């Protein structure tokens, strides 16, 4: 989660003089400003109306796994008709809400009583279905 136990990767891009905690080693050579990019060709696959791509920050993925996300997506989408204008927004809201949890006397807790995310949580739910060639 941290480069050389000192800094979160996204925080280190402009910090040229930062050194590893308690040492004289500069962090900059261990960071890259070149992102990992993956291309997903929408036209290569047939998608159903409920097929989505979920992109989220570590605040989401720190506390839920792929299967839990898929289950939440499936459950929320089944509550709305395919043409409902905010169905994907509702999925994103639910993912954020479940990852944060509810405030209890012992802090933010999820439904299973595990700690909720203490990090920022941003979620994009991107519909993949109904894509047409040339659009």
C-alpha atoms as a PDB file:
ATOM      1  CA  UNK A   1       0.000   0.000   0.000  1.00  0.00           C
ATOM      2  CA  UNK A   2       2.971   2.287   0.487  1.00  0.00           C
ATOM      3  CA  UNK A   3       6.192   2.703  -1.431  1.00  0.00           C
ATOM      4  CA  UNK A   4       9.043   1.665   0.844  1.00  0.00           C
ATOM      5  CA  UNK A   5       6.761   2.042   3.892  1.00  0.00           C
ATOM      6  CA  UNK A   6       6.719   5.797   3.410  1.00  0.00           C
ATOM      7  CA  UNK A   7       4.239   7.182   0.918  1.00  0.00           C
ATOM      8  CA  UNK A   8       1.071   6.222  -0.904  1.00  0.00           C
ATOM      9  CA  UNK A   9       1.894   5.945  -4.605  1.00  0.00           C
ATOM     10  CA  UNK A  10      -0.556   8.594  -5.801  1.00  0.00           C
ATOM     11  CA  UNK A  11       0.763  11.118  -3.310  1.00  0.00           C
ATOM     12  CA  UNK A  12       4.384  10.891  -4.462  1.00  0.00           C
ATOM     13  CA  UNK A  13       4.331  12.263  -8.001  1.00  0.00           C
ATOM     14  CA  UNK A  14       5.444  15.779  -7.110  1.00  0.00           C
ATOM     15  CA  UNK A  15       7.458  15.018  -4.003  1.00  0.00           C
ATOM     16  CA  UNK A  16      10.948  15.054  -5.563  1.00  0.00           C
ATOM     17  CA  UNK A  17      12.930  15.349  -2.328  1.00  0.00           C
ATOM     18  CA  UNK A  18      11.018  12.795  -0.270  1.00  0.00           C
ATOM     19  CA  UNK A  19      13.174  10.145   1.357  1.00  0.00           C
ATOM     20  CA  UNK A  20      12.333   6.712   2.735  1.00  0.00           C
ATOM     21  CA  UNK A  21      11.294   7.005   6.365  1.00  0.00           C
ATOM     22  CA  UNK A  22      14.320   7.137   8.662  1.00  0.00           C
ATOM     23  CA  UNK A  23      16.890   6.891   5.832  1.00  0.00           C
ATOM     24  CA  UNK A  24      18.672   8.868   3.123  1.00  0.00           C
ATOM     25  CA  UNK A  25      17.156   6.876   0.222  1.00  0.00           C
ATOM     26  CA  UNK A  26      15.184   9.010  -2.246  1.00  0.00           C
ATOM     27  CA  UNK A  27      11.738   7.658  -3.168  1.00  0.00           C
ATOM     28  CA  UNK A  28      11.446   9.233  -6.628  1.00  0.00           C
ATOM     29  CA  UNK A  29      13.282   6.457  -8.559  1.00  0.00           C
ATOM     30  CA  UNK A  30      10.715   3.938  -7.258  1.00  0.00           C
ATOM     31  CA  UNK A  31       7.683   5.838  -8.589  1.00  0.00           C
ATOM     32  CA  UNK A  32       6.488   6.071 -12.158  1.00  0.00           C
ATOM     33  CA  UNK A  33       4.223   8.651 -13.746  1.00  0.00           C
ATOM     34  CA  UNK A  34       3.283   6.155 -16.468  1.00  0.00           C
ATOM     35  CA  UNK A  35      -0.077   4.546 -15.657  1.00  0.00           C
ATOM     36  CA  UNK A  36      -0.936   0.955 -16.427  1.00  0.00           C
ATOM     37  CA  UNK A  37      -3.502   1.061 -19.217  1.00  0.00           C
ATOM     38  CA  UNK A  38      -5.758  -1.765 -20.339  1.00  0.00           C
ATOM     39  CA  UNK A  39      -8.009  -1.571 -23.373  1.00  0.00           C
ATOM     40  CA  UNK A  40     -11.333  -3.387 -23.306  1.00  0.00           C
ATOM     41  CA  UNK A  41     -12.811  -3.739 -26.786  1.00  0.00           C
ATOM     42  CA  UNK A  42     -16.588  -3.442 -26.338  1.00  0.00           C
ATOM     43  CA  UNK A  43     -17.230  -4.784 -29.818  1.00  0.00           C
ATOM     44  CA  UNK A  44     -15.354  -8.025 -29.139  1.00  0.00           C
ATOM     45  CA  UNK A  45     -18.050  -9.330 -26.759  1.00  0.00           C
ATOM     46  CA  UNK A  46     -21.827  -9.487 -26.645  1.00  0.00           C
ATOM     47  CA  UNK A  47     -23.140  -7.747 -23.536  1.00  0.00           C
ATOM     48  CA  UNK A  48     -26.462  -8.067 -21.792  1.00  0.00           C
ATOM     49  CA  UNK A  49     -28.346  -4.996 -20.482  1.00  0.00           C
ATOM     50  CA  UNK A  50     -27.115  -5.661 -16.929  1.00  0.00           C
ATOM     51  CA  UNK A  51     -23.428  -6.114 -17.813  1.00  0.00           C
ATOM     52  CA  UNK A  52     -21.335  -3.421 -16.177  1.00  0.00           C
ATOM     53  CA  UNK A  53     -17.747  -2.536 -15.402  1.00  0.00           C
ATOM     54  CA  UNK A  54     -17.160  -1.374 -11.832  1.00  0.00           C
ATOM     55  CA  UNK A  55     -14.210   0.930 -11.248  1.00  0.00           C
ATOM     56  CA  UNK A  56     -13.560   1.941  -7.671  1.00  0.00           C
ATOM     57  CA  UNK A  57     -10.886   3.370  -5.443  1.00  0.00           C
ATOM     58  CA  UNK A  58      -9.160   1.299  -2.803  1.00  0.00           C
ATOM     59  CA  UNK A  59     -11.788   2.434  -0.292  1.00  0.00           C
ATOM     60  CA  UNK A  60     -14.151   0.025  -2.043  1.00  0.00           C
ATOM     61  CA  UNK A  61     -11.746  -2.837  -2.772  1.00  0.00           C
ATOM     62  CA  UNK A  62     -10.178  -2.792   0.715  1.00  0.00           C
ATOM     63  CA  UNK A  63     -13.397  -4.107   2.243  1.00  0.00           C
ATOM     64  CA  UNK A  64     -15.308  -5.984  -0.486  1.00  0.00           C
ATOM     65  CA  UNK A  65     -14.165  -8.556  -3.013  1.00  0.00           C
ATOM     66  CA  UNK A  66     -15.143  -9.107  -6.653  1.00  0.00           C
ATOM     67  CA  UNK A  67     -17.869 -11.619  -5.805  1.00  0.00           C
ATOM     68  CA  UNK A  68     -19.467  -9.325  -3.205  1.00  0.00           C
ATOM     69  CA  UNK A  69     -19.495  -6.483  -5.727  1.00  0.00           C
ATOM     70  CA  UNK A  70     -21.043  -8.742  -8.376  1.00  0.00           C
ATOM     71  CA  UNK A  71     -23.736  -9.849  -5.925  1.00  0.00           C
ATOM     72  CA  UNK A  72     -24.566  -6.251  -4.988  1.00  0.00           C
ATOM     73  CA  UNK A  73     -24.690  -5.214  -8.654  1.00  0.00           C
ATOM     74  CA  UNK A  74     -26.978  -8.114  -9.527  1.00  0.00           C
ATOM     75  CA  UNK A  75     -29.311  -7.458  -6.579  1.00  0.00           C
ATOM     76  CA  UNK A  76     -29.672  -3.711  -7.148  1.00  0.00           C
ATOM     77  CA  UNK A  77     -30.113  -3.995 -10.930  1.00  0.00           C
ATOM     78  CA  UNK A  78     -32.834  -6.596 -10.464  1.00  0.00           C
ATOM     79  CA  UNK A  79     -34.837  -4.008  -8.495  1.00  0.00           C
ATOM     80  CA  UNK A  80     -35.040  -1.646 -11.509  1.00  0.00           C
ATOM     81  CA  UNK A  81     -36.363  -1.953 -15.050  1.00  0.00           C
ATOM     82  CA  UNK A  82     -33.627  -1.946 -17.727  1.00  0.00           C
ATOM     83  CA  UNK A  83     -34.661   1.524 -18.945  1.00  0.00           C
ATOM     84  CA  UNK A  84     -34.708   3.151 -15.484  1.00  0.00           C
ATOM     85  CA  UNK A  85     -32.558   6.299 -15.815  1.00  0.00           C
ATOM     86  CA  UNK A  86     -30.740   6.019 -12.485  1.00  0.00           C
ATOM     87  CA  UNK A  87     -30.295   2.257 -12.027  1.00  0.00           C
ATOM     88  CA  UNK A  88     -26.505   2.387 -12.429  1.00  0.00           C
ATOM     89  CA  UNK A  89     -26.270   5.376 -10.094  1.00  0.00           C
ATOM     90  CA  UNK A  90     -28.200   3.375  -7.486  1.00  0.00           C
ATOM     91  CA  UNK A  91     -25.650   0.548  -7.809  1.00  0.00           C
ATOM     92  CA  UNK A  92     -22.738   2.951  -7.277  1.00  0.00           C
ATOM     93  CA  UNK A  93     -24.469   4.528  -4.271  1.00  0.00           C
ATOM     94  CA  UNK A  94     -25.110   1.114  -2.737  1.00  0.00           C
ATOM     95  CA  UNK A  95     -21.495   0.018  -3.229  1.00  0.00           C
ATOM     96  CA  UNK A  96     -20.248   3.175  -1.519  1.00  0.00           C
ATOM     97  CA  UNK A  97     -22.779   2.855   1.287  1.00  0.00           C
ATOM     98  CA  UNK A  98     -22.017  -0.796   1.999  1.00  0.00           C
ATOM     99  CA  UNK A  99     -18.275  -0.216   1.916  1.00  0.00           C
ATOM    100  CA  UNK A 100     -18.486   2.646   4.397  1.00  0.00           C
ATOM    101  CA  UNK A 101     -20.867   0.796   6.694  1.00  0.00           C
ATOM    102  CA  UNK A 102     -22.861   2.371   9.499  1.00  0.00           C
ATOM    103  CA  UNK A 103     -21.577   4.267  12.500  1.00  0.00           C
ATOM    104  CA  UNK A 104     -21.747   2.180  15.659  1.00  0.00           C
ATOM    105  CA  UNK A 105     -20.188   2.609  19.078  1.00  0.00           C
ATOM    106  CA  UNK A 106     -17.062   0.776  17.836  1.00  0.00           C
ATOM    107  CA  UNK A 107     -16.674   2.820  14.648  1.00  0.00           C
ATOM    108  CA  UNK A 108     -17.916   2.354  11.096  1.00  0.00           C
ATOM    109  CA  UNK A 109     -19.093  -1.244  10.654  1.00  0.00           C
ATOM    110  CA  UNK A 110     -20.374  -3.181   7.668  1.00  0.00           C
ATOM    111  CA  UNK A 111     -23.339  -5.559   7.845  1.00  0.00           C
ATOM    112  CA  UNK A 112     -21.013  -8.468   8.734  1.00  0.00           C
ATOM    113  CA  UNK A 113     -19.598  -6.368  11.624  1.00  0.00           C
ATOM    114  CA  UNK A 114     -16.220  -6.006   9.902  1.00  0.00           C
ATOM    115  CA  UNK A 115     -14.728  -2.535   9.923  1.00  0.00           C
ATOM    116  CA  UNK A 116     -16.021  -0.341   7.124  1.00  0.00           C
ATOM    117  CA  UNK A 117     -13.586   1.448   4.861  1.00  0.00           C
ATOM    118  CA  UNK A 118     -11.646   4.257   6.470  1.00  0.00           C
ATOM    119  CA  UNK A 119     -10.431   5.454   3.086  1.00  0.00           C
ATOM    120  CA  UNK A 120     -12.114   7.559   0.440  1.00  0.00           C
ATOM    121  CA  UNK A 121     -14.592   5.591  -1.653  1.00  0.00           C
ATOM    122  CA  UNK A 122     -15.319   6.496  -5.258  1.00  0.00           C
ATOM    123  CA  UNK A 123     -17.207   4.136  -7.546  1.00  0.00           C
ATOM    124  CA  UNK A 124     -18.063   4.232 -11.242  1.00  0.00           C
ATOM    125  CA  UNK A 125     -20.596   1.756 -12.617  1.00  0.00           C
ATOM    126  CA  UNK A 126     -20.230   1.748 -16.388  1.00  0.00           C
ATOM    127  CA  UNK A 127     -22.932  -0.001 -18.427  1.00  0.00           C
ATOM    128  CA  UNK A 128     -21.566  -2.250 -21.168  1.00  0.00           C
ATOM    129  CA  UNK A 129     -24.832  -3.524 -22.632  1.00  0.00           C
ATOM    130  CA  UNK A 130     -26.638  -2.093 -25.639  1.00  0.00           C
ATOM    131  CA  UNK A 131     -23.459  -0.921 -27.361  1.00  0.00           C
ATOM    132  CA  UNK A 132     -23.798  -0.588 -31.115  1.00  0.00           C
ATOM    133  CA  UNK A 133     -21.080  -0.511 -33.731  1.00  0.00           C
ATOM    134  CA  UNK A 134     -20.239   2.953 -34.904  1.00  0.00           C
ATOM    135  CA  UNK A 135     -21.503   4.737 -31.765  1.00  0.00           C
END
